């Protein structure tokens, strides 16, 4: 999962949204065990929301993004072992996207917002997900910092290694 996530980040930042759709579909299949058709629908809504958010920097249409994320999470929730509040999951997903993009505008940290979002999906307290969330946030911050400092591509292997640790932590926390 961490390898898929790292590659998805790369294609997202490179505006390769068709490839993002395919990778997201595979990630959904791995993470939630959905069929190809359902995974494609979930991936479609997620990729379209991500593409919309990416290209509208500074002019995000939050309602449209949340609507697409809600459709995505509804399908996942409908087929989860334990359904969850898909609307809240969608809102919290957008929140961490916004916190990541505009950290100075929020009182909450990126790690806290990541933990809150996953806590809804996995029905665990956010505090149990803080190691996961800090690892994932640190990987995002590293990617952003490298690009901002020298305009060079980040060390995707290092980012993937950070994500591996983060996802291992998530797996332990939700067991």
C-alpha atoms as a PDB file:
ATOM      1  CA  UNK A   1       0.000   0.000   0.000  1.00  0.00           C
ATOM      2  CA  UNK A   2       2.794   2.392   0.834  1.00  0.00           C
ATOM      3  CA  UNK A   3       4.381   1.846  -2.584  1.00  0.00           C
ATOM      4  CA  UNK A   4       1.058   2.583  -4.288  1.00  0.00           C
ATOM      5  CA  UNK A   5       0.580   5.674  -2.142  1.00  0.00           C
ATOM      6  CA  UNK A   6       4.047   7.023  -2.986  1.00  0.00           C
ATOM      7  CA  UNK A   7       3.517   6.483  -6.720  1.00  0.00           C
ATOM      8  CA  UNK A   8       0.063   8.074  -6.468  1.00  0.00           C
ATOM      9  CA  UNK A   9       1.612  11.144  -4.888  1.00  0.00           C
ATOM     10  CA  UNK A  10       4.116  11.376  -7.708  1.00  0.00           C
ATOM     11  CA  UNK A  11       1.515  11.114 -10.475  1.00  0.00           C
ATOM     12  CA  UNK A  12      -0.775  13.545  -8.623  1.00  0.00           C
ATOM     13  CA  UNK A  13       1.943  16.191  -8.468  1.00  0.00           C
ATOM     14  CA  UNK A  14       2.844  15.489 -12.113  1.00  0.00           C
ATOM     15  CA  UNK A  15      -0.825  15.959 -13.124  1.00  0.00           C
ATOM     16  CA  UNK A  16      -1.064  12.401 -14.506  1.00  0.00           C
ATOM     17  CA  UNK A  17      -4.683  11.972 -13.468  1.00  0.00           C
ATOM     18  CA  UNK A  18      -5.456   9.029 -15.772  1.00  0.00           C
ATOM     19  CA  UNK A  19      -2.674   7.046 -14.148  1.00  0.00           C
ATOM     20  CA  UNK A  20      -3.879   8.224 -10.754  1.00  0.00           C
ATOM     21  CA  UNK A  21      -7.268   6.683 -11.498  1.00  0.00           C
ATOM     22  CA  UNK A  22      -5.698   3.290 -12.251  1.00  0.00           C
ATOM     23  CA  UNK A  23      -3.428   3.357  -9.189  1.00  0.00           C
ATOM     24  CA  UNK A  24      -6.243   4.442  -6.919  1.00  0.00           C
ATOM     25  CA  UNK A  25      -8.370   1.595  -8.245  1.00  0.00           C
ATOM     26  CA  UNK A  26      -5.648  -0.921  -7.366  1.00  0.00           C
ATOM     27  CA  UNK A  27      -5.121   0.657  -3.940  1.00  0.00           C
ATOM     28  CA  UNK A  28      -8.847   0.432  -3.187  1.00  0.00           C
ATOM     29  CA  UNK A  29      -8.860  -3.227  -4.201  1.00  0.00           C
ATOM     30  CA  UNK A  30      -5.918  -3.936  -1.905  1.00  0.00           C
ATOM     31  CA  UNK A  31      -7.118  -1.891   1.043  1.00  0.00           C
ATOM     32  CA  UNK A  32     -10.829  -2.674   1.000  1.00  0.00           C
ATOM     33  CA  UNK A  33     -11.142  -5.812  -1.147  1.00  0.00           C
ATOM     34  CA  UNK A  34     -13.743  -4.338  -3.493  1.00  0.00           C
ATOM     35  CA  UNK A  35     -14.507  -5.800  -6.920  1.00  0.00           C
ATOM     36  CA  UNK A  36     -12.957  -4.308 -10.056  1.00  0.00           C
ATOM     37  CA  UNK A  37     -16.157  -2.452 -10.952  1.00  0.00           C
ATOM     38  CA  UNK A  38     -16.683  -1.013  -7.467  1.00  0.00           C
ATOM     39  CA  UNK A  39     -12.999  -0.138  -7.175  1.00  0.00           C
ATOM     40  CA  UNK A  40     -13.193   1.665 -10.500  1.00  0.00           C
ATOM     41  CA  UNK A  41     -16.203   3.689  -9.318  1.00  0.00           C
ATOM     42  CA  UNK A  42     -14.475   4.550  -6.026  1.00  0.00           C
ATOM     43  CA  UNK A  43     -11.273   5.457  -7.864  1.00  0.00           C
ATOM     44  CA  UNK A  44     -13.172   7.594 -10.373  1.00  0.00           C
ATOM     45  CA  UNK A  45     -14.737   9.728  -7.657  1.00  0.00           C
ATOM     46  CA  UNK A  46     -11.464   9.974  -5.752  1.00  0.00           C
ATOM     47  CA  UNK A  47      -9.346  10.812  -8.804  1.00  0.00           C
ATOM     48  CA  UNK A  48     -11.807  13.415 -10.083  1.00  0.00           C
ATOM     49  CA  UNK A  49     -11.931  15.035  -6.628  1.00  0.00           C
ATOM     50  CA  UNK A  50      -8.118  15.023  -6.417  1.00  0.00           C
ATOM     51  CA  UNK A  51      -7.692  16.410  -9.935  1.00  0.00           C
ATOM     52  CA  UNK A  52     -10.243  19.141  -9.274  1.00  0.00           C
ATOM     53  CA  UNK A  53      -8.516  20.054  -6.023  1.00  0.00           C
ATOM     54  CA  UNK A  54      -5.044  19.997  -7.614  1.00  0.00           C
ATOM     55  CA  UNK A  55      -5.781  22.217 -10.592  1.00  0.00           C
ATOM     56  CA  UNK A  56      -7.986  24.700  -8.720  1.00  0.00           C
ATOM     57  CA  UNK A  57      -5.328  25.733  -6.209  1.00  0.00           C
ATOM     58  CA  UNK A  58      -6.541  28.896  -4.548  1.00  0.00           C
ATOM     59  CA  UNK A  59     -10.003  28.472  -6.057  1.00  0.00           C
ATOM     60  CA  UNK A  60     -11.113  25.153  -4.575  1.00  0.00           C
ATOM     61  CA  UNK A  61     -14.792  24.314  -4.883  1.00  0.00           C
ATOM     62  CA  UNK A  62     -15.132  22.596  -1.530  1.00  0.00           C
ATOM     63  CA  UNK A  63     -18.733  21.512  -2.025  1.00  0.00           C
ATOM     64  CA  UNK A  64     -17.964  19.807  -5.325  1.00  0.00           C
ATOM     65  CA  UNK A  65     -14.887  18.066  -3.907  1.00  0.00           C
ATOM     66  CA  UNK A  66     -16.766  16.888  -0.799  1.00  0.00           C
ATOM     67  CA  UNK A  67     -19.648  15.655  -2.957  1.00  0.00           C
ATOM     68  CA  UNK A  68     -17.260  13.481  -4.986  1.00  0.00           C
ATOM     69  CA  UNK A  69     -15.402  12.279  -1.908  1.00  0.00           C
ATOM     70  CA  UNK A  70     -18.726  11.465  -0.278  1.00  0.00           C
ATOM     71  CA  UNK A  71     -19.704   9.284  -3.241  1.00  0.00           C
ATOM     72  CA  UNK A  72     -16.323   7.580  -2.994  1.00  0.00           C
ATOM     73  CA  UNK A  73     -16.580   6.907   0.730  1.00  0.00           C
ATOM     74  CA  UNK A  74     -20.221   5.854   0.487  1.00  0.00           C
ATOM     75  CA  UNK A  75     -19.315   2.947  -1.767  1.00  0.00           C
ATOM     76  CA  UNK A  76     -16.508   1.934   0.582  1.00  0.00           C
ATOM     77  CA  UNK A  77     -18.774   2.212   3.624  1.00  0.00           C
ATOM     78  CA  UNK A  78     -21.569   0.252   1.940  1.00  0.00           C
ATOM     79  CA  UNK A  79     -19.167  -2.660   1.424  1.00  0.00           C
ATOM     80  CA  UNK A  80     -17.149  -2.377   4.626  1.00  0.00           C
ATOM     81  CA  UNK A  81     -17.340  -4.953   7.390  1.00  0.00           C
ATOM     82  CA  UNK A  82     -18.395  -2.081   9.629  1.00  0.00           C
ATOM     83  CA  UNK A  83     -20.069   0.855   7.827  1.00  0.00           C
ATOM     84  CA  UNK A  84     -18.957   4.343   8.801  1.00  0.00           C
ATOM     85  CA  UNK A  85     -20.154   7.927   8.436  1.00  0.00           C
ATOM     86  CA  UNK A  86     -19.111   8.414   4.815  1.00  0.00           C
ATOM     87  CA  UNK A  87     -20.124  12.089   4.747  1.00  0.00           C
ATOM     88  CA  UNK A  88     -17.919  12.858   7.757  1.00  0.00           C
ATOM     89  CA  UNK A  89     -15.090  10.846   6.183  1.00  0.00           C
ATOM     90  CA  UNK A  90     -15.377  12.954   3.025  1.00  0.00           C
ATOM     91  CA  UNK A  91     -15.367  16.218   4.966  1.00  0.00           C
ATOM     92  CA  UNK A  92     -12.358  15.163   7.025  1.00  0.00           C
ATOM     93  CA  UNK A  93     -10.516  14.000   3.888  1.00  0.00           C
ATOM     94  CA  UNK A  94     -10.948  17.448   2.363  1.00  0.00           C
ATOM     95  CA  UNK A  95      -9.950  19.015   5.673  1.00  0.00           C
ATOM     96  CA  UNK A  96      -6.553  17.319   5.674  1.00  0.00           C
ATOM     97  CA  UNK A  97      -6.088  18.281   2.018  1.00  0.00           C
ATOM     98  CA  UNK A  98      -6.756  21.893   2.988  1.00  0.00           C
ATOM     99  CA  UNK A  99      -4.550  21.719   6.094  1.00  0.00           C
ATOM    100  CA  UNK A 100      -1.756  20.332   3.951  1.00  0.00           C
ATOM    101  CA  UNK A 101      -2.178  23.050   1.343  1.00  0.00           C
ATOM    102  CA  UNK A 102      -2.810  25.974   3.725  1.00  0.00           C
ATOM    103  CA  UNK A 103      -1.330  25.005   7.123  1.00  0.00           C
ATOM    104  CA  UNK A 104      -1.248  28.567   8.424  1.00  0.00           C
ATOM    105  CA  UNK A 105      -5.022  28.879   8.011  1.00  0.00           C
ATOM    106  CA  UNK A 106      -5.814  26.053  10.440  1.00  0.00           C
ATOM    107  CA  UNK A 107      -5.474  25.488  14.169  1.00  0.00           C
ATOM    108  CA  UNK A 108      -5.149  21.730  13.644  1.00  0.00           C
ATOM    109  CA  UNK A 109      -1.920  20.090  12.475  1.00  0.00           C
ATOM    110  CA  UNK A 110      -1.652  17.954   9.360  1.00  0.00           C
ATOM    111  CA  UNK A 111      -1.013  14.873  11.517  1.00  0.00           C
ATOM    112  CA  UNK A 112      -4.098  15.550  13.637  1.00  0.00           C
ATOM    113  CA  UNK A 113      -6.270  16.030  10.563  1.00  0.00           C
ATOM    114  CA  UNK A 114      -4.937  12.813   8.984  1.00  0.00           C
ATOM    115  CA  UNK A 115      -5.647  10.890  12.196  1.00  0.00           C
ATOM    116  CA  UNK A 116      -9.165  12.323  12.401  1.00  0.00           C
ATOM    117  CA  UNK A 117      -9.936  11.301   8.824  1.00  0.00           C
ATOM    118  CA  UNK A 118      -8.770   7.708   9.213  1.00  0.00           C
ATOM    119  CA  UNK A 119     -10.379   7.394  12.653  1.00  0.00           C
ATOM    120  CA  UNK A 120     -13.816   7.750  11.048  1.00  0.00           C
ATOM    121  CA  UNK A 121     -13.107   5.094   8.419  1.00  0.00           C
ATOM    122  CA  UNK A 122     -11.648   2.570  10.849  1.00  0.00           C
ATOM    123  CA  UNK A 123     -13.785   3.461  13.893  1.00  0.00           C
ATOM    124  CA  UNK A 124     -10.893   3.969  16.278  1.00  0.00           C
ATOM    125  CA  UNK A 125      -9.948   6.988  18.381  1.00  0.00           C
ATOM    126  CA  UNK A 126      -7.703   9.429  16.510  1.00  0.00           C
ATOM    127  CA  UNK A 127      -5.140   9.136  19.302  1.00  0.00           C
ATOM    128  CA  UNK A 128      -4.440   5.532  18.253  1.00  0.00           C
ATOM    129  CA  UNK A 129      -3.542   6.736  14.765  1.00  0.00           C
ATOM    130  CA  UNK A 130      -1.077   9.463  15.655  1.00  0.00           C
ATOM    131  CA  UNK A 131       2.060   7.442  14.835  1.00  0.00           C
ATOM    132  CA  UNK A 132       0.580   6.653  11.412  1.00  0.00           C
ATOM    133  CA  UNK A 133      -0.484  10.263  10.945  1.00  0.00           C
ATOM    134  CA  UNK A 134       2.858  11.777  11.983  1.00  0.00           C
ATOM    135  CA  UNK A 135       4.704   9.428   9.610  1.00  0.00           C
ATOM    136  CA  UNK A 136       2.465  10.258   6.689  1.00  0.00           C
ATOM    137  CA  UNK A 137       2.533  13.992   7.450  1.00  0.00           C
ATOM    138  CA  UNK A 138       6.339  13.931   7.711  1.00  0.00           C
ATOM    139  CA  UNK A 139       6.536  12.260   4.299  1.00  0.00           C
ATOM    140  CA  UNK A 140       4.286  14.959   2.811  1.00  0.00           C
ATOM    141  CA  UNK A 141       6.300  17.730   4.413  1.00  0.00           C
ATOM    142  CA  UNK A 142       9.560  16.212   3.141  1.00  0.00           C
ATOM    143  CA  UNK A 143       8.191  16.089  -0.407  1.00  0.00           C
ATOM    144  CA  UNK A 144       7.025  19.682  -0.205  1.00  0.00           C
ATOM    145  CA  UNK A 145      10.276  20.953   1.345  1.00  0.00           C
ATOM    146  CA  UNK A 146      12.567  19.334  -1.209  1.00  0.00           C
ATOM    147  CA  UNK A 147      10.564  20.715  -4.103  1.00  0.00           C
ATOM    148  CA  UNK A 148      10.379  24.197  -2.542  1.00  0.00           C
ATOM    149  CA  UNK A 149      14.081  24.376  -1.698  1.00  0.00           C
ATOM    150  CA  UNK A 150      15.677  23.346  -4.934  1.00  0.00           C
ATOM    151  CA  UNK A 151      12.970  22.547  -7.462  1.00  0.00           C
ATOM    152  CA  UNK A 152      14.388  19.045  -7.767  1.00  0.00           C
ATOM    153  CA  UNK A 153      12.250  15.929  -7.499  1.00  0.00           C
ATOM    154  CA  UNK A 154      12.097  14.514  -3.999  1.00  0.00           C
ATOM    155  CA  UNK A 155      13.676  11.219  -2.982  1.00  0.00           C
ATOM    156  CA  UNK A 156      10.683   8.997  -3.676  1.00  0.00           C
ATOM    157  CA  UNK A 157      12.423   5.954  -2.177  1.00  0.00           C
ATOM    158  CA  UNK A 158      12.839   7.776   1.114  1.00  0.00           C
ATOM    159  CA  UNK A 159       9.225   8.927   1.001  1.00  0.00           C
ATOM    160  CA  UNK A 160       8.081   5.382   0.275  1.00  0.00           C
ATOM    161  CA  UNK A 161      10.131   4.078   3.232  1.00  0.00           C
ATOM    162  CA  UNK A 162       8.468   6.659   5.476  1.00  0.00           C
ATOM    163  CA  UNK A 163       5.058   5.593   4.179  1.00  0.00           C
ATOM    164  CA  UNK A 164       5.853   1.922   4.816  1.00  0.00           C
ATOM    165  CA  UNK A 165       6.452   2.724   8.486  1.00  0.00           C
ATOM    166  CA  UNK A 166       3.306   4.834   8.574  1.00  0.00           C
ATOM    167  CA  UNK A 167       1.101   2.129   7.059  1.00  0.00           C
ATOM    168  CA  UNK A 168       2.558  -0.520   9.362  1.00  0.00           C
ATOM    169  CA  UNK A 169       1.540   1.678  12.249  1.00  0.00           C
ATOM    170  CA  UNK A 170      -1.955   2.120  10.793  1.00  0.00           C
ATOM    171  CA  UNK A 171      -2.312  -1.632  10.399  1.00  0.00           C
ATOM    172  CA  UNK A 172      -1.356  -2.216  14.053  1.00  0.00           C
ATOM    173  CA  UNK A 173      -3.658   0.547  15.273  1.00  0.00           C
ATOM    174  CA  UNK A 174      -6.775  -0.765  13.549  1.00  0.00           C
ATOM    175  CA  UNK A 175      -6.347  -4.438  14.482  1.00  0.00           C
END
